[in-house]
Amino acid sequence: MRKVLSSLYLLYASMIFIALMLMALPFVLLFSALLPIDTGKRSILVVLRIWASLFSVFSGFWITTKNRSEVDNSKSHIYVGNHGSYLDAVAVCISLPQYFSALGKVEITKVPVFGLIYKRIVVLIDRSSKESREKSVAALKKDIANGQSILIFAEGTMNQTERPLADFYDGAFRIAIETQTPIIPFVMINNRKLLPRKEPLLARPGLITTILLPEVSVVRLGMEDVPMLKKQVFDAMADAITNPLSAFGISPQRGEKKAL
């Protein structure tokens, strides 16, 4: 019975997703055709934030964000987040406080409707191609130089392991050091439970909590520090996923604030 109800719910949510995408598509095509690239991408992101908010309300996949006010919006950041569900695209549109360019897999452009929008907002990468990897890195660096923030899922693809995080690629951390751009790690809690990658028919409505973790400085770091920086961010994110209350300085055992 649970699988039957979950299947019906997933069908309902999918219909909402597609209907809202079809409504957003004309605006995306119009903005990408008529506006300069940077202005067009910002306008498209506004459309996607409206789309994500409406989808969240009508589907029952609700999103809440912690620590948005702690982000310094006056400078660029590299957002590094976990990736465990198809719902992540909705969550990042709602939760990240700055305009951003995202790194995304070229394969997603093949998805009907969504792919048309996707390729107009993300920096595409084919990880099997060295040339594609180099072009995507150059594009992300250019966005940072233009004052834009960027988003990279450091796991490279959706985490299908039983661990809180899959192993990280180096790319986000190399770019951070090369451009001297601070990193804001973030985690999405409950995303894998509400819409499991391996068992989507177990989908159910509920709350996804996005936690923006403290900014990580890369000042005076060199390329030899990439492994250390990657481990620092990985450990902070893994701890926040495993023990979300720790991100707020609260002891999970006693509910007391930790001494500063």
C-alpha atoms as a PDB file:
ATOM      1  CA  MET A   1       0.000   0.000   0.000  1.00  0.00           C
ATOM      2  CA  ARG A   2       2.834   2.415   0.843  1.00  0.00           C
ATOM      3  CA  LYS A   3       4.433   1.916  -2.572  1.00  0.00           C
ATOM      4  CA  VAL A   4       1.090   2.491  -4.283  1.00  0.00           C
ATOM      5  CA  LEU A   5       0.554   5.764  -2.430  1.00  0.00           C
ATOM      6  CA  SER A   6       4.159   6.820  -3.058  1.00  0.00           C
ATOM      7  CA  SER A   7       3.768   6.047  -6.757  1.00  0.00           C
ATOM      8  CA  LEU A   8       0.627   8.166  -6.968  1.00  0.00           C
ATOM      9  CA  TYR A   9       2.343  10.970  -5.097  1.00  0.00           C
ATOM     10  CA  LEU A  10       5.393  10.802  -7.385  1.00  0.00           C
ATOM     11  CA  LEU A  11       3.092  10.961 -10.418  1.00  0.00           C
ATOM     12  CA  TYR A  12       1.358  14.013  -8.970  1.00  0.00           C
ATOM     13  CA  ALA A  13       4.665  15.759  -8.178  1.00  0.00           C
ATOM     14  CA  SER A  14       6.011  14.944 -11.652  1.00  0.00           C
ATOM     15  CA  MET A  15       2.939  16.484 -13.277  1.00  0.00           C
ATOM     16  CA  ILE A  16       3.406  19.654 -11.211  1.00  0.00           C
ATOM     17  CA  PHE A  17       7.110  19.711 -12.135  1.00  0.00           C
ATOM     18  CA  ILE A  18       6.426  19.396 -15.870  1.00  0.00           C
ATOM     19  CA  ALA A  19       3.528  21.869 -15.889  1.00  0.00           C
ATOM     20  CA  LEU A  20       5.580  24.546 -14.141  1.00  0.00           C
ATOM     21  CA  MET A  21       8.572  23.858 -16.403  1.00  0.00           C
ATOM     22  CA  LEU A  22       6.388  24.367 -19.480  1.00  0.00           C
ATOM     23  CA  MET A  23       5.195  27.668 -18.023  1.00  0.00           C
ATOM     24  CA  ALA A  24       8.769  28.791 -17.341  1.00  0.00           C
ATOM     25  CA  LEU A  25      10.194  27.711 -20.704  1.00  0.00           C
ATOM     26  CA  PRO A  26       8.898  30.652 -22.843  1.00  0.00           C
ATOM     27  CA  PHE A  27      10.440  33.182 -20.428  1.00  0.00           C
ATOM     28  CA  VAL A  28      13.753  31.312 -20.428  1.00  0.00           C
ATOM     29  CA  LEU A  29      13.886  31.187 -24.228  1.00  0.00           C
ATOM     30  CA  LEU A  30      12.920  34.862 -24.485  1.00  0.00           C
ATOM     31  CA  PHE A  31      15.500  36.075 -21.962  1.00  0.00           C
ATOM     32  CA  SER A  32      18.291  33.959 -23.438  1.00  0.00           C
ATOM     33  CA  ALA A  33      17.516  35.242 -26.949  1.00  0.00           C
ATOM     34  CA  LEU A  34      17.073  38.955 -26.226  1.00  0.00           C
ATOM     35  CA  LEU A  35      19.301  39.782 -23.269  1.00  0.00           C
ATOM     36  CA  PRO A  36      23.101  39.870 -22.924  1.00  0.00           C
ATOM     37  CA  ILE A  37      24.492  36.589 -21.566  1.00  0.00           C
ATOM     38  CA  ASP A  38      25.084  37.718 -17.965  1.00  0.00           C
ATOM     39  CA  THR A  39      21.800  39.629 -17.696  1.00  0.00           C
ATOM     40  CA  GLY A  40      19.957  36.765 -19.353  1.00  0.00           C
ATOM     41  CA  LYS A  41      21.329  34.190 -16.916  1.00  0.00           C
ATOM     42  CA  ARG A  42      20.361  36.355 -13.937  1.00  0.00           C
ATOM     43  CA  SER A  43      16.852  36.810 -15.329  1.00  0.00           C
ATOM     44  CA  ILE A  44      16.535  33.074 -15.970  1.00  0.00           C
ATOM     45  CA  LEU A  45      17.626  32.360 -12.405  1.00  0.00           C
ATOM     46  CA  VAL A  46      14.828  34.628 -11.151  1.00  0.00           C
ATOM     47  CA  VAL A  47      12.372  32.583 -13.236  1.00  0.00           C
ATOM     48  CA  LEU A  48      13.804  29.351 -11.844  1.00  0.00           C
ATOM     49  CA  ARG A  49      13.506  30.613  -8.283  1.00  0.00           C
ATOM     50  CA  ILE A  50       9.837  31.343  -8.884  1.00  0.00           C
ATOM     51  CA  TRP A  51       9.428  27.914 -10.514  1.00  0.00           C
ATOM     52  CA  ALA A  52      11.173  26.180  -7.592  1.00  0.00           C
ATOM     53  CA  SER A  53       9.120  28.044  -4.986  1.00  0.00           C
ATOM     54  CA  LEU A  54       5.843  27.167  -6.696  1.00  0.00           C
ATOM     55  CA  PHE A  55       6.888  23.544  -7.124  1.00  0.00           C
ATOM     56  CA  SER A  56       7.848  23.369  -3.458  1.00  0.00           C
ATOM     57  CA  VAL A  57       4.465  24.706  -2.359  1.00  0.00           C
ATOM     58  CA  PHE A  58       2.294  22.571  -4.627  1.00  0.00           C
ATOM     59  CA  SER A  59       4.304  19.334  -4.435  1.00  0.00           C
ATOM     60  CA  GLY A  60       4.784  19.174  -0.681  1.00  0.00           C
ATOM     61  CA  PHE A  61       8.584  19.104  -0.989  1.00  0.00           C
ATOM     62  CA  TRP A  62       9.150  22.093   1.292  1.00  0.00           C
ATOM     63  CA  ILE A  63      12.493  23.872   1.585  1.00  0.00           C
ATOM     64  CA  THR A  64      13.873  25.810   4.544  1.00  0.00           C
ATOM     65  CA  THR A  65      17.275  27.494   4.707  1.00  0.00           C
ATOM     66  CA  LYS A  66      19.507  28.165   7.692  1.00  0.00           C
ATOM     67  CA  ASN A  67      22.206  30.859   7.956  1.00  0.00           C
ATOM     68  CA  ARG A  68      21.299  32.853   4.809  1.00  0.00           C
ATOM     69  CA  SER A  69      21.872  36.090   6.710  1.00  0.00           C
ATOM     70  CA  GLU A  70      25.453  35.030   7.478  1.00  0.00           C
ATOM     71  CA  VAL A  71      26.500  35.186   3.811  1.00  0.00           C
ATOM     72  CA  ASP A  72      28.379  38.301   2.681  1.00  0.00           C
ATOM     73  CA  ASN A  73      26.564  39.133  -0.552  1.00  0.00           C
ATOM     74  CA  SER A  74      29.091  41.823  -1.482  1.00  0.00           C
ATOM     75  CA  LYS A  75      31.630  39.282  -2.772  1.00  0.00           C
ATOM     76  CA  SER A  76      31.741  36.156  -4.887  1.00  0.00           C
ATOM     77  CA  HIS A  77      31.743  32.673  -3.383  1.00  0.00           C
ATOM     78  CA  ILE A  78      32.146  29.125  -4.519  1.00  0.00           C
ATOM     79  CA  TYR A  79      29.205  27.142  -3.145  1.00  0.00           C
ATOM     80  CA  VAL A  80      30.043  23.479  -2.582  1.00  0.00           C
ATOM     81  CA  GLY A  81      27.091  21.243  -1.733  1.00  0.00           C
ATOM     82  CA  ASN A  82      26.096  17.610  -1.402  1.00  0.00           C
ATOM     83  CA  HIS A  83      24.141  15.952  -4.200  1.00  0.00           C
ATOM     84  CA  GLY A  84      21.850  13.089  -3.286  1.00  0.00           C
ATOM     85  CA  SER A  85      18.472  13.659  -4.938  1.00  0.00           C
ATOM     86  CA  TYR A  86      16.686  15.073  -7.970  1.00  0.00           C
ATOM     87  CA  LEU A  87      15.211  17.577  -5.527  1.00  0.00           C
ATOM     88  CA  ASP A  88      18.566  19.306  -5.142  1.00  0.00           C
ATOM     89  CA  ALA A  89      17.940  21.510  -8.193  1.00  0.00           C
ATOM     90  CA  VAL A  90      14.818  22.855  -6.494  1.00  0.00           C
ATOM     91  CA  ALA A  91      16.571  23.373  -3.157  1.00  0.00           C
ATOM     92  CA  VAL A  92      19.553  25.321  -4.512  1.00  0.00           C
ATOM     93  CA  CYS A  93      17.325  27.664  -6.519  1.00  0.00           C
ATOM     94  CA  ILE A  94      15.468  28.554  -3.328  1.00  0.00           C
ATOM     95  CA  SER A  95      18.266  28.413  -0.764  1.00  0.00           C
ATOM     96  CA  LEU A  96      21.362  30.060  -2.243  1.00  0.00           C
ATOM     97  CA  PRO A  97      21.185  33.786  -1.520  1.00  0.00           C
ATOM     98  CA  GLN A  98      23.356  34.991  -4.429  1.00  0.00           C
ATOM     99  CA  TYR A  99      23.130  34.778  -8.193  1.00  0.00           C
ATOM    100  CA  PHE A 100      25.292  31.882  -9.313  1.00  0.00           C
ATOM    101  CA  SER A 101      26.505  29.838 -12.240  1.00  0.00           C
ATOM    102  CA  ALA A 102      26.333  26.093 -11.700  1.00  0.00           C
ATOM    103  CA  LEU A 103      28.547  23.371 -13.114  1.00  0.00           C
ATOM    104  CA  GLY A 104      26.373  20.645 -14.628  1.00  0.00           C
ATOM    105  CA  LYS A 105      26.690  17.407 -16.569  1.00  0.00           C
ATOM    106  CA  VAL A 106      26.113  17.664 -20.303  1.00  0.00           C
ATOM    107  CA  GLU A 107      23.965  14.507 -20.217  1.00  0.00           C
ATOM    108  CA  ILE A 108      21.132  16.385 -18.477  1.00  0.00           C
ATOM    109  CA  THR A 109      20.547  18.483 -21.609  1.00  0.00           C
ATOM    110  CA  LYS A 110      18.880  15.387 -23.113  1.00  0.00           C
ATOM    111  CA  VAL A 111      16.007  15.561 -20.591  1.00  0.00           C
ATOM    112  CA  PRO A 112      12.872  16.895 -22.338  1.00  0.00           C
ATOM    113  CA  VAL A 113      11.907  20.499 -21.477  1.00  0.00           C
ATOM    114  CA  PHE A 114      14.192  20.649 -18.431  1.00  0.00           C
ATOM    115  CA  GLY A 115      17.223  20.150 -20.688  1.00  0.00           C
ATOM    116  CA  LEU A 116      16.324  23.228 -22.747  1.00  0.00           C
ATOM    117  CA  ILE A 117      16.336  25.346 -19.612  1.00  0.00           C
ATOM    118  CA  TYR A 118      19.288  23.572 -18.033  1.00  0.00           C
ATOM    119  CA  LYS A 119      21.758  24.312 -20.831  1.00  0.00           C
ATOM    120  CA  ARG A 120      20.923  28.019 -20.703  1.00  0.00           C
ATOM    121  CA  ILE A 121      21.777  28.437 -17.023  1.00  0.00           C
ATOM    122  CA  VAL A 122      24.639  26.042 -16.250  1.00  0.00           C
ATOM    123  CA  VAL A 123      28.254  25.656 -17.335  1.00  0.00           C
ATOM    124  CA  LEU A 124      28.217  22.270 -19.049  1.00  0.00           C
ATOM    125  CA  ILE A 125      30.896  19.642 -18.518  1.00  0.00           C
ATOM    126  CA  ASP A 126      31.613  16.280 -20.120  1.00  0.00           C
ATOM    127  CA  ARG A 127      33.902  14.659 -17.560  1.00  0.00           C
ATOM    128  CA  SER A 128      35.100  12.118 -20.126  1.00  0.00           C
ATOM    129  CA  SER A 129      36.597  14.909 -22.234  1.00  0.00           C
ATOM    130  CA  LYS A 130      39.717  16.769 -21.119  1.00  0.00           C
ATOM    131  CA  GLU A 131      38.880  19.608 -23.505  1.00  0.00           C
ATOM    132  CA  SER A 132      35.390  19.950 -21.999  1.00  0.00           C
ATOM    133  CA  ARG A 133      36.790  19.964 -18.468  1.00  0.00           C
ATOM    134  CA  GLU A 134      39.253  22.704 -19.357  1.00  0.00           C
ATOM    135  CA  LYS A 135      36.572  24.807 -21.066  1.00  0.00           C
ATOM    136  CA  SER A 136      34.203  24.496 -18.111  1.00  0.00           C
ATOM    137  CA  VAL A 137      36.905  25.530 -15.640  1.00  0.00           C
ATOM    138  CA  ALA A 138      37.756  28.543 -17.804  1.00  0.00           C
ATOM    139  CA  ALA A 139      34.072  29.536 -17.979  1.00  0.00           C
ATOM    140  CA  LEU A 140      33.659  29.288 -14.210  1.00  0.00           C
ATOM    141  CA  LYS A 141      36.786  31.379 -13.636  1.00  0.00           C
ATOM    142  CA  LYS A 142      35.434  33.993 -16.034  1.00  0.00           C
ATOM    143  CA  ASP A 143      32.158  34.138 -14.103  1.00  0.00           C
ATOM    144  CA  ILE A 144      34.069  34.663 -10.854  1.00  0.00           C
ATOM    145  CA  ALA A 145      36.163  37.412 -12.472  1.00  0.00           C
ATOM    146  CA  ASN A 146      32.887  39.102 -13.462  1.00  0.00           C
ATOM    147  CA  GLY A 147      31.741  39.105  -9.824  1.00  0.00           C
ATOM    148  CA  GLN A 148      29.520  36.035 -10.080  1.00  0.00           C
ATOM    149  CA  SER A 149      29.322  33.241  -7.526  1.00  0.00           C
ATOM    150  CA  ILE A 150      29.450  29.645  -8.735  1.00  0.00           C
ATOM    151  CA  LEU A 151      27.981  26.342  -7.567  1.00  0.00           C
ATOM    152  CA  ILE A 152      29.763  22.989  -7.787  1.00  0.00           C
ATOM    153  CA  PHE A 153      28.610  19.622  -6.487  1.00  0.00           C
ATOM    154  CA  ALA A 154      32.046  18.357  -5.534  1.00  0.00           C
ATOM    155  CA  GLU A 155      30.923  14.715  -5.624  1.00  0.00           C
ATOM    156  CA  GLY A 156      30.584  15.121  -9.375  1.00  0.00           C
ATOM    157  CA  THR A 157      27.372  13.154  -9.607  1.00  0.00           C
ATOM    158  CA  MET A 158      24.506  12.041  -7.396  1.00  0.00           C
ATOM    159  CA  ASN A 159      25.711  10.149  -4.338  1.00  0.00           C
ATOM    160  CA  GLN A 160      24.456   6.567  -4.567  1.00  0.00           C
ATOM    161  CA  THR A 161      26.610   5.196  -1.755  1.00  0.00           C
ATOM    162  CA  GLU A 162      25.466   4.546   1.795  1.00  0.00           C
ATOM    163  CA  ARG A 163      27.882   7.194   3.073  1.00  0.00           C
ATOM    164  CA  PRO A 164      26.811  10.776   3.814  1.00  0.00           C
ATOM    165  CA  LEU A 165      29.087  11.968   0.998  1.00  0.00           C
ATOM    166  CA  ALA A 166      30.817  10.378  -1.967  1.00  0.00           C
ATOM    167  CA  ASP A 167      34.464  11.239  -2.624  1.00  0.00           C
ATOM    168  CA  PHE A 168      35.111  14.798  -3.792  1.00  0.00           C
ATOM    169  CA  TYR A 169      36.751  15.894  -7.024  1.00  0.00           C
ATOM    170  CA  ASP A 170      39.511  18.506  -6.822  1.00  0.00           C
ATOM    171  CA  GLY A 171      37.993  21.020  -9.245  1.00  0.00           C
ATOM    172  CA  ALA A 172      36.112  23.300  -6.860  1.00  0.00           C
ATOM    173  CA  PHE A 173      39.108  23.593  -4.559  1.00  0.00           C
ATOM    174  CA  ARG A 174      41.598  24.249  -7.333  1.00  0.00           C
ATOM    175  CA  ILE A 175      39.395  27.014  -8.710  1.00  0.00           C
ATOM    176  CA  ALA A 176      38.966  28.487  -5.215  1.00  0.00           C
ATOM    177  CA  ILE A 177      42.726  28.682  -4.684  1.00  0.00           C
ATOM    178  CA  GLU A 178      43.557  29.869  -8.200  1.00  0.00           C
ATOM    179  CA  THR A 179      40.988  32.685  -8.031  1.00  0.00           C
ATOM    180  CA  GLN A 180      41.340  33.290  -4.262  1.00  0.00           C
ATOM    181  CA  THR A 181      37.577  32.944  -3.872  1.00  0.00           C
ATOM    182  CA  PRO A 182      36.199  31.804  -0.499  1.00  0.00           C
ATOM    183  CA  ILE A 183      34.125  28.641  -0.289  1.00  0.00           C
ATOM    184  CA  ILE A 184      30.711  28.348   1.323  1.00  0.00           C
ATOM    185  CA  PRO A 185      29.963  24.666   1.981  1.00  0.00           C
ATOM    186  CA  PHE A 186      26.309  23.756   2.344  1.00  0.00           C
ATOM    187  CA  VAL A 187      24.346  20.591   2.984  1.00  0.00           C
ATOM    188  CA  MET A 188      20.808  19.564   2.149  1.00  0.00           C
ATOM    189  CA  ILE A 189      19.283  17.426   4.886  1.00  0.00           C
ATOM    190  CA  ASN A 190      16.543  14.874   4.174  1.00  0.00           C
ATOM    191  CA  ASN A 191      16.750  15.170   0.378  1.00  0.00           C
ATOM    192  CA  ARG A 192      17.741  11.512  -0.092  1.00  0.00           C
ATOM    193  CA  LYS A 193      14.891  10.306   2.125  1.00  0.00           C
ATOM    194  CA  LEU A 194      12.134  12.277   0.404  1.00  0.00           C
ATOM    195  CA  LEU A 195      13.084  11.233  -3.123  1.00  0.00           C
ATOM    196  CA  PRO A 196      15.578   8.337  -3.044  1.00  0.00           C
ATOM    197  CA  ARG A 197      17.773   8.069  -6.141  1.00  0.00           C
ATOM    198  CA  LYS A 198      17.674   4.273  -6.172  1.00  0.00           C
ATOM    199  CA  GLU A 199      14.033   3.875  -5.136  1.00  0.00           C
ATOM    200  CA  PRO A 200      12.053   6.890  -6.410  1.00  0.00           C
ATOM    201  CA  LEU A 201       8.772   5.022  -5.850  1.00  0.00           C
ATOM    202  CA  LEU A 202       9.343   5.579  -2.126  1.00  0.00           C
ATOM    203  CA  ALA A 203       8.943   9.336  -2.599  1.00  0.00           C
ATOM    204  CA  ARG A 204       7.023  11.204   0.065  1.00  0.00           C
ATOM    205  CA  PRO A 205       6.365  14.865   0.947  1.00  0.00           C
ATOM    206  CA  GLY A 206       8.375  16.517   3.670  1.00  0.00           C
ATOM    207  CA  LEU A 207      10.896  19.171   4.623  1.00  0.00           C
ATOM    208  CA  ILE A 208      14.391  19.632   3.165  1.00  0.00           C
ATOM    209  CA  THR A 209      16.664  21.783   5.307  1.00  0.00           C
ATOM    210  CA  THR A 210      19.548  23.542   3.573  1.00  0.00           C
ATOM    211  CA  ILE A 211      22.302  24.567   5.995  1.00  0.00           C
ATOM    212  CA  LEU A 212      24.852  27.127   4.814  1.00  0.00           C
ATOM    213  CA  LEU A 213      28.077  26.446   6.722  1.00  0.00           C
ATOM    214  CA  PRO A 214      30.694  29.060   7.692  1.00  0.00           C
ATOM    215  CA  GLU A 215      32.761  30.571   4.897  1.00  0.00           C
ATOM    216  CA  VAL A 216      36.114  28.859   4.300  1.00  0.00           C
ATOM    217  CA  SER A 217      38.953  31.251   3.446  1.00  0.00           C
ATOM    218  CA  VAL A 218      41.615  30.285   0.909  1.00  0.00           C
ATOM    219  CA  VAL A 219      43.876  33.267   1.512  1.00  0.00           C
ATOM    220  CA  ARG A 220      47.566  32.356   1.153  1.00  0.00           C
ATOM    221  CA  LEU A 221      46.779  28.783   0.142  1.00  0.00           C
ATOM    222  CA  GLY A 222      48.645  27.220  -2.794  1.00  0.00           C
ATOM    223  CA  MET A 223      47.925  24.280  -5.044  1.00  0.00           C
ATOM    224  CA  GLU A 224      49.782  22.006  -2.660  1.00  0.00           C
ATOM    225  CA  ASP A 225      47.018  22.768  -0.140  1.00  0.00           C
ATOM    226  CA  VAL A 226      44.200  21.332  -2.307  1.00  0.00           C
ATOM    227  CA  PRO A 227      44.058  17.984  -0.444  1.00  0.00           C
ATOM    228  CA  MET A 228      43.928  19.763   2.928  1.00  0.00           C
ATOM    229  CA  LEU A 229      41.236  22.195   1.781  1.00  0.00           C
ATOM    230  CA  LYS A 230      39.167  19.407   0.236  1.00  0.00           C
ATOM    231  CA  LYS A 231      39.359  17.371   3.446  1.00  0.00           C
ATOM    232  CA  GLN A 232      38.422  20.387   5.579  1.00  0.00           C
ATOM    233  CA  VAL A 233      35.279  21.046   3.532  1.00  0.00           C
ATOM    234  CA  PHE A 234      34.419  17.336   3.250  1.00  0.00           C
ATOM    235  CA  ASP A 235      34.695  16.830   7.023  1.00  0.00           C
ATOM    236  CA  ALA A 236      32.580  19.913   7.806  1.00  0.00           C
ATOM    237  CA  MET A 237      29.842  18.829   5.403  1.00  0.00           C
ATOM    238  CA  ALA A 238      29.876  15.186   6.505  1.00  0.00           C
ATOM    239  CA  ASP A 239      29.577  16.267  10.144  1.00  0.00           C
ATOM    240  CA  ALA A 240      26.677  18.618   9.327  1.00  0.00           C
ATOM    241  CA  ILE A 241      24.812  15.845   7.476  1.00  0.00           C
ATOM    242  CA  THR A 242      25.399  13.287  10.224  1.00  0.00           C
ATOM    243  CA  ASN A 243      24.800  15.722  13.060  1.00  0.00           C
ATOM    244  CA  PRO A 244      22.802  18.719  11.733  1.00  0.00           C
ATOM    245  CA  LEU A 245      22.509  20.350  15.154  1.00  0.00           C
ATOM    246  CA  SER A 246      26.299  20.750  15.254  1.00  0.00           C
ATOM    247  CA  ALA A 247      25.980  23.324  12.469  1.00  0.00           C
ATOM    248  CA  PHE A 248      24.177  25.569  14.959  1.00  0.00           C
ATOM    249  CA  GLY A 249      26.555  24.945  17.859  1.00  0.00           C
ATOM    250  CA  ILE A 250      24.000  22.765  19.662  1.00  0.00           C
ATOM    251  CA  SER A 251      24.818  19.510  21.395  1.00  0.00           C
ATOM    252  CA  PRO A 252      22.571  16.712  20.075  1.00  0.00           C
ATOM    253  CA  GLN A 253      22.745  14.931  23.420  1.00  0.00           C
ATOM    254  CA  ARG A 254      21.607  17.728  25.666  1.00  0.00           C
ATOM    255  CA  GLY A 255      20.305  20.401  23.344  1.00  0.00           C
ATOM    256  CA  GLU A 256      22.749  22.855  24.914  1.00  0.00           C
ATOM    257  CA  LYS A 257      24.866  25.387  23.098  1.00  0.00           C
ATOM    258  CA  LYS A 258      28.524  24.515  22.957  1.00  0.00           C
ATOM    259  CA  ALA A 259      30.948  26.751  24.784  1.00  0.00           C
ATOM    260  CA  LEU A 260      32.674  29.202  22.452  1.00  0.00           C
END
